[in-house]
Amino acid sequence: MPGQEVLEEGDATTLNQIERWITTAIWVGLIGGLLSPFGCARMPYTVRTVHEDQRVVVTIQREVKPAGYSHPVQLSAQELSQILSSFSFRATQRLPLRWFAEEVPPKTVFRQDELEALAPFLAEALQKVGPDERVHFQVLAPGMNPAYERDTTGGWIAVRDPYFHPRTFSRAVSDPETGAVGSPLSRHSA
C-alpha cells in the first residue's frame, strides 16, 4: 500500500529493544527522583586528631560547605573552662506529667574534672583549626558500673566573631562491650 512501509523481522526487534530501553529509562528516572530526597547527607569529616587518650578525644573536622568561621582563635584553657561551665541542660517531662512535675533546676553539661581534662586540648585545637573547620570533642568517663557502662559527652565548637558556637552536646551512657546506648540523663539521676 502506498504510504505504509512493511517492517522486516529485524526492524521489529530493534523497535522492541528501543521501547524497552525507553521504558527502563523512565522507570529508573522515576525511582531515582523519588529516592533522591532520601539520599546520603554529607557530614563533616575528620581532618586530623589533636589529642586522643582514654579520657578525651579532640579532632578537627572540615565542614562540607564553607562555614566562614573566625578561626584560628586564641582562647586560654581557663577562658574555655569558664565558657563551657556555663552550659546546662534540663530534663523535660512529657504531657500530662509536665503539668504536675516540680521545676527541676538545670544541670551542668560538664563536671569540673571533665573541664580540666578537656579545656587545654580544645584551646590547642582552636589555634590549629581553619575557617572552614570545627573542633569536635568527646569526653569519656567510667559509668556507674565501670565494667559495664561508660559515660560519653560529645559535640563540636566553633567561633564566628563575636560568638562562640557549641552544637550537639550529646550525653549518653553506653556499654563499652556492645556499644548499646542508654538514657542520656543517667549520669545525673543519682
N, C-alpha and C. Protein backbone atom coordinates (compact mmCIF):
# COMPACT_ATOMS: atom_id res chain seq x y z
N MET A 1 0.84 -1.18 0.00
CA MET A 1 0.00 0.00 0.00
C MET A 1 0.87 1.23 0.00
N PRO A 2 0.37 2.26 -0.67
CA PRO A 2 1.17 3.47 -0.69
C PRO A 2 1.13 4.17 0.67
N GLY A 3 2.25 4.69 1.10
CA GLY A 3 2.35 5.41 2.38
C GLY A 3 2.63 4.51 3.56
N GLN A 4 2.51 3.23 3.43
CA GLN A 4 2.80 2.31 4.53
C GLN A 4 4.00 1.47 4.15
N GLU A 5 4.86 1.35 5.12
CA GLU A 5 6.05 0.55 4.86
C GLU A 5 5.92 -0.77 5.60
N VAL A 6 6.47 -1.75 5.04
CA VAL A 6 6.44 -3.06 5.65
C VAL A 6 7.72 -3.22 6.47
N LEU A 7 7.52 -3.59 7.76
CA LEU A 7 8.67 -3.79 8.64
C LEU A 7 9.19 -5.21 8.48
N GLU A 8 10.46 -5.28 8.42
CA GLU A 8 11.06 -6.60 8.37
C GLU A 8 11.25 -7.12 9.78
N GLU A 9 11.56 -8.38 9.94
CA GLU A 9 11.72 -9.01 11.25
C GLU A 9 12.79 -8.32 12.09
N GLY A 10 13.90 -7.95 11.53
CA GLY A 10 14.99 -7.28 12.26
C GLY A 10 14.60 -5.90 12.73
N ASP A 11 13.80 -5.18 11.92
CA ASP A 11 13.36 -3.84 12.31
C ASP A 11 12.41 -3.91 13.50
N ALA A 12 11.52 -4.89 13.56
CA ALA A 12 10.58 -5.03 14.67
C ALA A 12 11.33 -5.32 15.97
N THR A 13 12.33 -6.15 15.90
CA THR A 13 13.14 -6.46 17.07
C THR A 13 13.85 -5.21 17.57
N THR A 14 14.39 -4.42 16.68
CA THR A 14 15.07 -3.19 17.06
C THR A 14 14.10 -2.22 17.72
N LEU A 15 12.89 -2.11 17.21
CA LEU A 15 11.88 -1.22 17.81
C LEU A 15 11.49 -1.71 19.20
N ASN A 16 11.38 -3.03 19.39
CA ASN A 16 11.06 -3.57 20.71
C ASN A 16 12.17 -3.28 21.71
N GLN A 17 13.40 -3.39 21.26
CA GLN A 17 14.54 -3.10 22.14
C GLN A 17 14.56 -1.62 22.52
N ILE A 18 14.30 -0.76 21.55
CA ILE A 18 14.27 0.68 21.83
C ILE A 18 13.15 1.00 22.82
N GLU A 19 11.99 0.38 22.61
CA GLU A 19 10.86 0.61 23.51
C GLU A 19 11.19 0.14 24.93
N ARG A 20 11.85 -0.99 25.07
CA ARG A 20 12.27 -1.50 26.38
C ARG A 20 13.26 -0.56 27.04
N TRP A 21 14.22 -0.05 26.26
CA TRP A 21 15.21 0.88 26.81
C TRP A 21 14.54 2.17 27.29
N ILE A 22 13.60 2.67 26.53
CA ILE A 22 12.89 3.90 26.92
C ILE A 22 12.08 3.66 28.19
N THR A 23 11.37 2.53 28.25
CA THR A 23 10.59 2.19 29.44
C THR A 23 11.49 2.05 30.66
N THR A 24 12.62 1.39 30.51
CA THR A 24 13.57 1.22 31.61
C THR A 24 14.11 2.57 32.06
N ALA A 25 14.46 3.43 31.12
CA ALA A 25 14.99 4.75 31.46
C ALA A 25 13.95 5.58 32.22
N ILE A 26 12.70 5.49 31.82
CA ILE A 26 11.63 6.22 32.52
C ILE A 26 11.49 5.72 33.95
N TRP A 27 11.49 4.39 34.12
CA TRP A 27 11.36 3.84 35.47
C TRP A 27 12.56 4.20 36.34
N VAL A 28 13.75 4.12 35.79
CA VAL A 28 14.94 4.49 36.55
C VAL A 28 14.88 5.96 36.95
N GLY A 29 14.44 6.82 36.04
CA GLY A 29 14.30 8.24 36.34
C GLY A 29 13.27 8.50 37.43
N LEU A 30 12.14 7.81 37.35
CA LEU A 30 11.09 7.98 38.37
C LEU A 30 11.55 7.49 39.74
N ILE A 31 12.13 6.31 39.78
CA ILE A 31 12.59 5.76 41.06
C ILE A 31 13.73 6.61 41.63
N GLY A 32 14.66 7.00 40.79
CA GLY A 32 15.75 7.87 41.24
C GLY A 32 15.24 9.21 41.75
N GLY A 33 14.27 9.78 41.07
CA GLY A 33 13.69 11.04 41.51
C GLY A 33 12.97 10.92 42.83
N LEU A 34 12.30 9.79 43.03
CA LEU A 34 11.59 9.58 44.29
C LEU A 34 12.55 9.30 45.45
N LEU A 35 13.64 8.62 45.19
CA LEU A 35 14.57 8.27 46.25
C LEU A 35 15.63 9.34 46.51
N SER A 36 15.80 10.29 45.63
CA SER A 36 16.86 11.28 45.81
C SER A 36 16.72 12.12 47.08
N PRO A 37 15.51 12.48 47.55
CA PRO A 37 15.45 13.22 48.82
C PRO A 37 15.95 12.40 50.01
N PHE A 38 15.98 11.07 49.86
CA PHE A 38 16.40 10.22 50.95
C PHE A 38 17.85 9.77 50.80
N GLY A 39 18.59 10.42 49.95
CA GLY A 39 19.97 10.04 49.69
C GLY A 39 20.88 10.36 50.85
N CYS A 40 22.12 10.09 50.69
CA CYS A 40 23.10 10.30 51.75
C CYS A 40 23.32 11.79 51.99
N ALA A 41 23.34 12.15 53.25
CA ALA A 41 23.65 13.53 53.62
C ALA A 41 25.15 13.64 53.79
N ARG A 42 25.69 14.74 53.37
CA ARG A 42 27.12 14.95 53.53
C ARG A 42 27.38 15.45 54.94
N MET A 43 28.25 14.79 55.64
CA MET A 43 28.58 15.13 57.02
C MET A 43 30.00 15.67 57.07
N PRO A 44 30.27 16.52 58.07
CA PRO A 44 31.66 16.95 58.25
C PRO A 44 32.56 15.74 58.47
N TYR A 45 33.79 15.84 58.03
CA TYR A 45 34.69 14.71 58.14
C TYR A 45 35.96 15.12 58.89
N THR A 46 36.56 14.16 59.56
CA THR A 46 37.73 14.42 60.39
C THR A 46 38.96 14.63 59.51
N VAL A 47 39.65 15.74 59.78
CA VAL A 47 40.86 16.08 59.04
C VAL A 47 42.08 15.59 59.80
N ARG A 48 42.11 15.87 61.10
CA ARG A 48 43.23 15.40 61.92
C ARG A 48 42.81 15.31 63.38
N THR A 49 43.55 14.53 64.12
CA THR A 49 43.31 14.34 65.54
C THR A 49 44.30 15.19 66.31
N VAL A 50 43.78 16.02 67.21
CA VAL A 50 44.63 16.87 68.03
C VAL A 50 45.10 16.11 69.26
N HIS A 51 44.18 15.37 69.89
CA HIS A 51 44.53 14.60 71.08
C HIS A 51 43.57 13.42 71.21
N GLU A 52 44.10 12.28 71.63
CA GLU A 52 43.27 11.11 71.87
C GLU A 52 43.88 10.27 72.96
N ASP A 53 43.13 10.06 74.02
CA ASP A 53 43.51 9.13 75.07
C ASP A 53 42.24 8.48 75.61
N GLN A 54 42.35 7.77 76.74
CA GLN A 54 41.18 7.07 77.27
C GLN A 54 40.14 8.02 77.85
N ARG A 55 40.50 9.26 78.08
CA ARG A 55 39.61 10.22 78.72
C ARG A 55 39.01 11.25 77.75
N VAL A 56 39.83 11.75 76.81
CA VAL A 56 39.43 12.84 75.93
C VAL A 56 39.84 12.55 74.49
N VAL A 57 38.93 12.86 73.55
CA VAL A 57 39.24 12.80 72.13
C VAL A 57 38.88 14.15 71.53
N VAL A 58 39.86 14.82 70.91
CA VAL A 58 39.63 16.12 70.27
C VAL A 58 40.14 16.01 68.84
N THR A 59 39.24 16.27 67.88
CA THR A 59 39.61 16.20 66.47
C THR A 59 39.18 17.48 65.77
N ILE A 60 39.76 17.70 64.59
CA ILE A 60 39.36 18.82 63.75
C ILE A 60 38.58 18.25 62.58
N GLN A 61 37.38 18.79 62.35
CA GLN A 61 36.53 18.33 61.27
C GLN A 61 36.35 19.44 60.24
N ARG A 62 36.34 19.08 58.98
CA ARG A 62 36.11 20.04 57.90
C ARG A 62 34.62 20.04 57.55
N GLU A 63 34.06 21.24 57.45
CA GLU A 63 32.67 21.40 57.05
C GLU A 63 32.53 21.07 55.56
N VAL A 64 31.39 20.54 55.17
CA VAL A 64 31.16 20.20 53.77
C VAL A 64 31.01 21.47 52.94
N LYS A 65 30.23 22.42 53.44
CA LYS A 65 30.09 23.72 52.78
C LYS A 65 30.92 24.73 53.55
N PRO A 66 31.52 25.71 52.88
CA PRO A 66 32.31 26.71 53.60
C PRO A 66 31.47 27.40 54.69
N ALA A 67 32.04 27.44 55.90
CA ALA A 67 31.29 27.96 57.04
C ALA A 67 31.68 29.39 57.40
N GLY A 68 32.89 29.80 57.07
CA GLY A 68 33.32 31.17 57.34
C GLY A 68 33.51 31.46 58.82
N TYR A 69 34.06 30.49 59.56
CA TYR A 69 34.33 30.73 60.98
C TYR A 69 35.52 31.67 61.13
N SER A 70 35.69 32.20 62.32
CA SER A 70 36.78 33.15 62.62
C SER A 70 37.99 32.43 63.20
N HIS A 71 38.35 31.33 62.62
CA HIS A 71 39.48 30.55 63.13
C HIS A 71 40.75 30.92 62.40
N PRO A 72 41.88 30.74 62.99
CA PRO A 72 42.17 30.26 64.34
C PRO A 72 41.86 31.32 65.40
N VAL A 73 41.62 30.86 66.64
CA VAL A 73 41.22 31.72 67.75
C VAL A 73 42.15 31.48 68.93
N GLN A 74 42.55 32.55 69.58
CA GLN A 74 43.40 32.46 70.76
C GLN A 74 42.53 32.55 72.01
N LEU A 75 42.19 31.41 72.59
CA LEU A 75 41.48 31.35 73.87
C LEU A 75 42.28 30.46 74.80
N SER A 76 42.39 30.88 76.05
CA SER A 76 43.14 30.07 77.01
C SER A 76 42.24 28.94 77.52
N ALA A 77 42.87 27.96 78.15
CA ALA A 77 42.12 26.85 78.73
C ALA A 77 41.19 27.35 79.83
N GLN A 78 41.62 28.34 80.58
CA GLN A 78 40.79 28.90 81.65
C GLN A 78 39.56 29.61 81.06
N GLU A 79 39.73 30.36 79.99
CA GLU A 79 38.59 31.03 79.35
C GLU A 79 37.59 30.00 78.80
N LEU A 80 38.10 28.95 78.17
CA LEU A 80 37.21 27.90 77.66
C LEU A 80 36.48 27.19 78.79
N SER A 81 37.17 26.95 79.90
CA SER A 81 36.51 26.33 81.06
C SER A 81 35.37 27.18 81.57
N GLN A 82 35.60 28.49 81.63
CA GLN A 82 34.54 29.38 82.10
C GLN A 82 33.35 29.38 81.14
N ILE A 83 33.62 29.40 79.85
CA ILE A 83 32.54 29.40 78.86
C ILE A 83 31.76 28.09 78.94
N LEU A 84 32.46 26.96 78.92
CA LEU A 84 31.80 25.66 78.90
C LEU A 84 31.10 25.35 80.22
N SER A 85 31.59 25.87 81.33
CA SER A 85 30.94 25.60 82.61
C SER A 85 29.58 26.29 82.71
N SER A 86 29.32 27.27 81.86
CA SER A 86 28.04 27.97 81.91
C SER A 86 26.93 27.23 81.16
N PHE A 87 27.26 26.17 80.41
CA PHE A 87 26.24 25.43 79.67
C PHE A 87 25.56 24.42 80.58
N SER A 88 24.24 24.32 80.43
CA SER A 88 23.47 23.39 81.26
C SER A 88 22.34 22.78 80.44
N PHE A 89 21.71 21.76 81.00
CA PHE A 89 20.56 21.14 80.36
C PHE A 89 19.52 20.84 81.43
N ARG A 90 18.31 20.65 80.99
CA ARG A 90 17.20 20.37 81.90
C ARG A 90 16.37 19.24 81.29
N ALA A 91 16.05 18.25 82.11
CA ALA A 91 15.21 17.15 81.64
C ALA A 91 13.80 17.67 81.42
N THR A 92 13.18 17.24 80.33
CA THR A 92 11.81 17.66 80.05
C THR A 92 10.87 16.49 80.27
N GLN A 93 9.73 16.79 80.83
CA GLN A 93 8.70 15.79 81.06
C GLN A 93 7.70 15.82 79.91
N ARG A 94 7.07 14.71 79.67
CA ARG A 94 6.01 14.66 78.66
C ARG A 94 4.69 15.08 79.30
N LEU A 95 3.80 15.53 78.45
CA LEU A 95 2.46 15.84 78.94
C LEU A 95 1.78 14.55 79.33
N PRO A 96 0.96 14.47 80.31
CA PRO A 96 0.50 15.47 81.26
C PRO A 96 1.39 15.62 82.48
N LEU A 97 2.46 14.80 82.58
CA LEU A 97 3.33 14.88 83.75
C LEU A 97 3.95 16.27 83.90
N ARG A 98 4.16 16.95 82.80
CA ARG A 98 4.77 18.28 82.83
C ARG A 98 3.92 19.25 83.66
N TRP A 99 2.61 19.08 83.64
CA TRP A 99 1.73 19.99 84.36
C TRP A 99 1.86 19.83 85.87
N PHE A 100 2.22 18.62 86.32
CA PHE A 100 2.23 18.33 87.75
C PHE A 100 3.63 18.20 88.34
N ALA A 101 4.64 18.14 87.50
CA ALA A 101 6.01 17.95 87.97
C ALA A 101 6.56 19.24 88.58
N GLU A 102 7.44 19.06 89.55
CA GLU A 102 8.12 20.21 90.14
C GLU A 102 9.18 20.71 89.16
N GLU A 103 9.48 21.98 89.25
CA GLU A 103 10.51 22.58 88.40
C GLU A 103 11.88 22.04 88.83
N VAL A 104 12.57 21.41 87.91
CA VAL A 104 13.88 20.84 88.19
C VAL A 104 14.94 21.84 87.76
N PRO A 105 15.90 22.15 88.65
CA PRO A 105 16.94 23.10 88.24
C PRO A 105 17.82 22.50 87.16
N PRO A 106 18.41 23.33 86.30
CA PRO A 106 19.28 22.81 85.24
C PRO A 106 20.55 22.20 85.82
N LYS A 107 21.09 21.25 85.10
CA LYS A 107 22.33 20.58 85.50
C LYS A 107 23.42 20.94 84.50
N THR A 108 24.62 21.11 84.98
CA THR A 108 25.72 21.49 84.09
C THR A 108 26.05 20.35 83.14
N VAL A 109 26.47 20.70 81.96
CA VAL A 109 26.83 19.69 80.96
C VAL A 109 28.14 19.01 81.34
N PHE A 110 29.10 19.81 81.82
CA PHE A 110 30.43 19.28 82.14
C PHE A 110 30.68 19.37 83.64
N ARG A 111 31.25 18.32 84.19
CA ARG A 111 31.75 18.36 85.57
C ARG A 111 33.09 19.07 85.56
N GLN A 112 33.54 19.50 86.72
CA GLN A 112 34.80 20.24 86.82
C GLN A 112 35.98 19.39 86.34
N ASP A 113 36.03 18.11 86.71
CA ASP A 113 37.13 17.25 86.28
C ASP A 113 37.13 17.06 84.76
N GLU A 114 35.94 17.05 84.14
CA GLU A 114 35.87 16.93 82.68
C GLU A 114 36.39 18.21 82.02
N LEU A 115 36.07 19.36 82.59
CA LEU A 115 36.57 20.63 82.04
C LEU A 115 38.09 20.71 82.14
N GLU A 116 38.64 20.26 83.25
CA GLU A 116 40.09 20.29 83.43
C GLU A 116 40.79 19.39 82.42
N ALA A 117 40.16 18.27 82.08
CA ALA A 117 40.76 17.35 81.11
C ALA A 117 40.58 17.84 79.67
N LEU A 118 39.46 18.51 79.38
CA LEU A 118 39.10 18.87 78.01
C LEU A 118 39.63 20.23 77.56
N ALA A 119 39.56 21.24 78.41
CA ALA A 119 39.84 22.63 78.01
C ALA A 119 41.22 22.85 77.38
N PRO A 120 42.31 22.30 77.91
CA PRO A 120 43.61 22.56 77.27
C PRO A 120 43.68 22.07 75.82
N PHE A 121 43.06 20.94 75.55
CA PHE A 121 43.11 20.38 74.19
C PHE A 121 42.18 21.14 73.24
N LEU A 122 41.06 21.64 73.77
CA LEU A 122 40.18 22.48 72.95
C LEU A 122 40.88 23.79 72.59
N ALA A 123 41.61 24.39 73.56
CA ALA A 123 42.34 25.62 73.29
C ALA A 123 43.39 25.39 72.21
N GLU A 124 44.09 24.28 72.30
CA GLU A 124 45.11 23.94 71.29
C GLU A 124 44.46 23.74 69.92
N ALA A 125 43.33 23.05 69.88
CA ALA A 125 42.65 22.78 68.61
C ALA A 125 42.12 24.06 67.98
N LEU A 126 41.59 24.98 68.79
CA LEU A 126 41.08 26.24 68.25
C LEU A 126 42.18 27.10 67.64
N GLN A 127 43.42 26.88 68.06
CA GLN A 127 44.55 27.60 67.47
C GLN A 127 44.98 26.98 66.15
N LYS A 128 44.67 25.70 65.94
CA LYS A 128 45.10 24.99 64.74
C LYS A 128 44.03 24.93 63.65
N VAL A 129 42.78 25.18 63.99
CA VAL A 129 41.67 24.98 63.08
C VAL A 129 41.57 26.13 62.07
N GLY A 130 41.10 25.83 60.85
CA GLY A 130 40.96 26.83 59.81
C GLY A 130 39.54 27.39 59.75
N PRO A 131 39.29 28.33 58.84
CA PRO A 131 37.98 28.99 58.78
C PRO A 131 36.83 28.09 58.31
N ASP A 132 37.11 26.97 57.69
CA ASP A 132 36.05 26.05 57.26
C ASP A 132 36.08 24.75 58.05
N GLU A 133 36.64 24.82 59.26
CA GLU A 133 36.75 23.64 60.10
C GLU A 133 36.16 23.93 61.48
N ARG A 134 35.87 22.86 62.19
CA ARG A 134 35.35 22.98 63.55
C ARG A 134 36.06 21.97 64.44
N VAL A 135 35.92 22.15 65.75
CA VAL A 135 36.59 21.28 66.72
C VAL A 135 35.54 20.32 67.29
N HIS A 136 35.76 19.04 67.09
CA HIS A 136 34.86 18.01 67.61
C HIS A 136 35.53 17.39 68.83
N PHE A 137 34.72 17.07 69.86
CA PHE A 137 35.29 16.50 71.07
C PHE A 137 34.40 15.41 71.63
N GLN A 138 35.02 14.55 72.43
CA GLN A 138 34.33 13.55 73.22
C GLN A 138 35.06 13.44 74.55
N VAL A 139 34.29 13.45 75.62
CA VAL A 139 34.84 13.22 76.95
C VAL A 139 34.28 11.88 77.41
N LEU A 140 35.17 10.96 77.72
CA LEU A 140 34.77 9.61 78.11
C LEU A 140 35.04 9.43 79.60
N ALA A 141 34.10 8.82 80.29
CA ALA A 141 34.26 8.60 81.73
C ALA A 141 33.64 7.25 82.07
N PRO A 142 34.14 6.63 83.15
CA PRO A 142 33.51 5.38 83.57
C PRO A 142 32.09 5.65 84.05
N GLY A 143 31.20 4.72 83.80
CA GLY A 143 29.81 4.87 84.23
C GLY A 143 29.63 4.45 85.67
N MET A 144 28.38 4.27 86.07
CA MET A 144 28.08 3.86 87.44
C MET A 144 28.73 2.52 87.76
N ASN A 145 28.76 1.62 86.80
CA ASN A 145 29.46 0.35 86.94
C ASN A 145 30.49 0.30 85.82
N PRO A 146 31.74 0.67 86.10
CA PRO A 146 32.74 0.80 85.03
C PRO A 146 32.96 -0.45 84.19
N ALA A 147 32.65 -1.61 84.73
CA ALA A 147 32.82 -2.83 83.95
C ALA A 147 31.78 -2.94 82.84
N TYR A 148 30.64 -2.27 83.01
CA TYR A 148 29.55 -2.42 82.06
C TYR A 148 29.10 -1.13 81.39
N GLU A 149 29.48 0.04 81.93
CA GLU A 149 28.98 1.29 81.39
C GLU A 149 30.11 2.29 81.17
N ARG A 150 29.86 3.22 80.25
CA ARG A 150 30.78 4.33 80.03
C ARG A 150 29.93 5.55 79.69
N ASP A 151 30.24 6.68 80.33
CA ASP A 151 29.55 7.94 80.04
C ASP A 151 30.30 8.66 78.93
N THR A 152 29.57 9.21 77.98
CA THR A 152 30.18 9.94 76.88
C THR A 152 29.49 11.29 76.73
N THR A 153 30.27 12.35 76.70
CA THR A 153 29.76 13.68 76.40
C THR A 153 30.49 14.14 75.15
N GLY A 154 29.75 14.50 74.11
CA GLY A 154 30.39 14.88 72.86
C GLY A 154 29.69 16.02 72.18
N GLY A 155 30.37 16.63 71.24
CA GLY A 155 29.80 17.72 70.48
C GLY A 155 30.89 18.41 69.68
N TRP A 156 30.60 19.62 69.21
CA TRP A 156 31.61 20.38 68.48
C TRP A 156 31.46 21.85 68.83
N ILE A 157 32.56 22.58 68.64
CA ILE A 157 32.54 24.03 68.88
C ILE A 157 33.20 24.74 67.71
N ALA A 158 32.79 25.97 67.53
CA ALA A 158 33.38 26.84 66.50
C ALA A 158 33.17 28.28 66.95
N VAL A 159 33.94 29.19 66.39
CA VAL A 159 33.83 30.61 66.73
C VAL A 159 33.58 31.39 65.44
N ARG A 160 32.52 32.17 65.47
CA ARG A 160 32.23 33.10 64.37
C ARG A 160 32.04 34.45 65.05
N ASP A 161 32.98 35.37 64.81
CA ASP A 161 33.01 36.63 65.55
C ASP A 161 31.64 37.24 65.69
N PRO A 162 31.31 37.68 66.87
CA PRO A 162 31.96 37.51 68.16
C PRO A 162 31.35 36.37 68.97
N TYR A 163 30.77 35.38 68.31
CA TYR A 163 30.01 34.35 69.01
C TYR A 163 30.75 33.01 69.06
N PHE A 164 30.56 32.34 70.18
CA PHE A 164 31.08 31.01 70.43
C PHE A 164 29.93 30.04 70.16
N HIS A 165 30.13 29.11 69.21
CA HIS A 165 29.05 28.21 68.80
C HIS A 165 29.31 26.78 69.26
N PRO A 166 28.67 26.36 70.35
CA PRO A 166 28.71 24.93 70.68
C PRO A 166 27.49 24.26 70.07
N ARG A 167 27.62 23.06 69.58
CA ARG A 167 26.49 22.36 68.99
C ARG A 167 26.51 20.89 69.39
N THR A 168 25.36 20.32 69.34
CA THR A 168 25.13 18.90 69.54
C THR A 168 25.87 18.33 70.73
N PHE A 169 25.64 18.90 71.87
CA PHE A 169 26.15 18.24 73.06
C PHE A 169 25.32 16.99 73.26
N SER A 170 25.96 15.85 73.22
CA SER A 170 25.24 14.62 73.47
C SER A 170 25.80 13.99 74.73
N ARG A 171 24.92 13.51 75.53
CA ARG A 171 25.32 12.91 76.78
C ARG A 171 24.69 11.53 76.80
N ALA A 172 25.48 10.50 76.84
CA ALA A 172 24.92 9.16 76.77
C ALA A 172 25.72 8.20 77.65
N VAL A 173 25.04 7.18 78.08
CA VAL A 173 25.67 6.10 78.83
C VAL A 173 25.67 4.90 77.90
N SER A 174 26.83 4.31 77.71
CA SER A 174 26.88 3.18 76.78
C SER A 174 27.62 2.01 77.41
N ASP A 175 27.34 0.87 76.87
CA ASP A 175 28.01 -0.35 77.27
C ASP A 175 29.26 -0.47 76.40
N PRO A 176 30.46 -0.43 77.00
CA PRO A 176 31.68 -0.49 76.18
C PRO A 176 31.82 -1.78 75.38
N GLU A 177 31.22 -2.87 75.86
CA GLU A 177 31.33 -4.14 75.17
C GLU A 177 30.47 -4.17 73.90
N THR A 178 29.21 -3.75 74.04
CA THR A 178 28.28 -3.87 72.92
C THR A 178 28.04 -2.57 72.19
N GLY A 179 28.33 -1.42 72.84
CA GLY A 179 28.08 -0.13 72.24
C GLY A 179 26.63 0.32 72.40
N ALA A 180 25.82 -0.45 73.17
CA ALA A 180 24.42 -0.07 73.38
C ALA A 180 24.36 1.21 74.19
N VAL A 181 23.47 2.11 73.80
CA VAL A 181 23.37 3.42 74.45
C VAL A 181 22.11 3.46 75.31
N GLY A 182 22.27 3.99 76.54
CA GLY A 182 21.15 4.11 77.47
C GLY A 182 20.65 5.53 77.56
N SER A 183 20.03 5.85 78.66
CA SER A 183 19.43 7.15 78.88
C SER A 183 20.47 8.26 78.88
N PRO A 184 20.22 9.37 78.18
CA PRO A 184 21.19 10.44 78.14
C PRO A 184 21.30 11.18 79.47
N LEU A 185 20.39 10.97 80.40
CA LEU A 185 20.46 11.68 81.68
C LEU A 185 20.81 10.72 82.81
N SER A 186 21.27 9.54 82.51
CA SER A 186 21.55 8.53 83.53
C SER A 186 22.59 9.01 84.53
N ARG A 187 23.60 9.71 84.08
CA ARG A 187 24.66 10.13 84.98
C ARG A 187 24.11 11.02 86.08
N HIS A 188 23.16 11.87 85.76
CA HIS A 188 22.68 12.86 86.71
C HIS A 188 21.47 12.40 87.50
N SER A 189 21.06 11.17 87.32
CA SER A 189 19.85 10.73 88.01
C SER A 189 20.11 10.40 89.47
N ALA A 190 21.36 10.18 89.84
CA ALA A 190 21.66 9.81 91.23
C ALA A 190 21.72 11.01 92.13
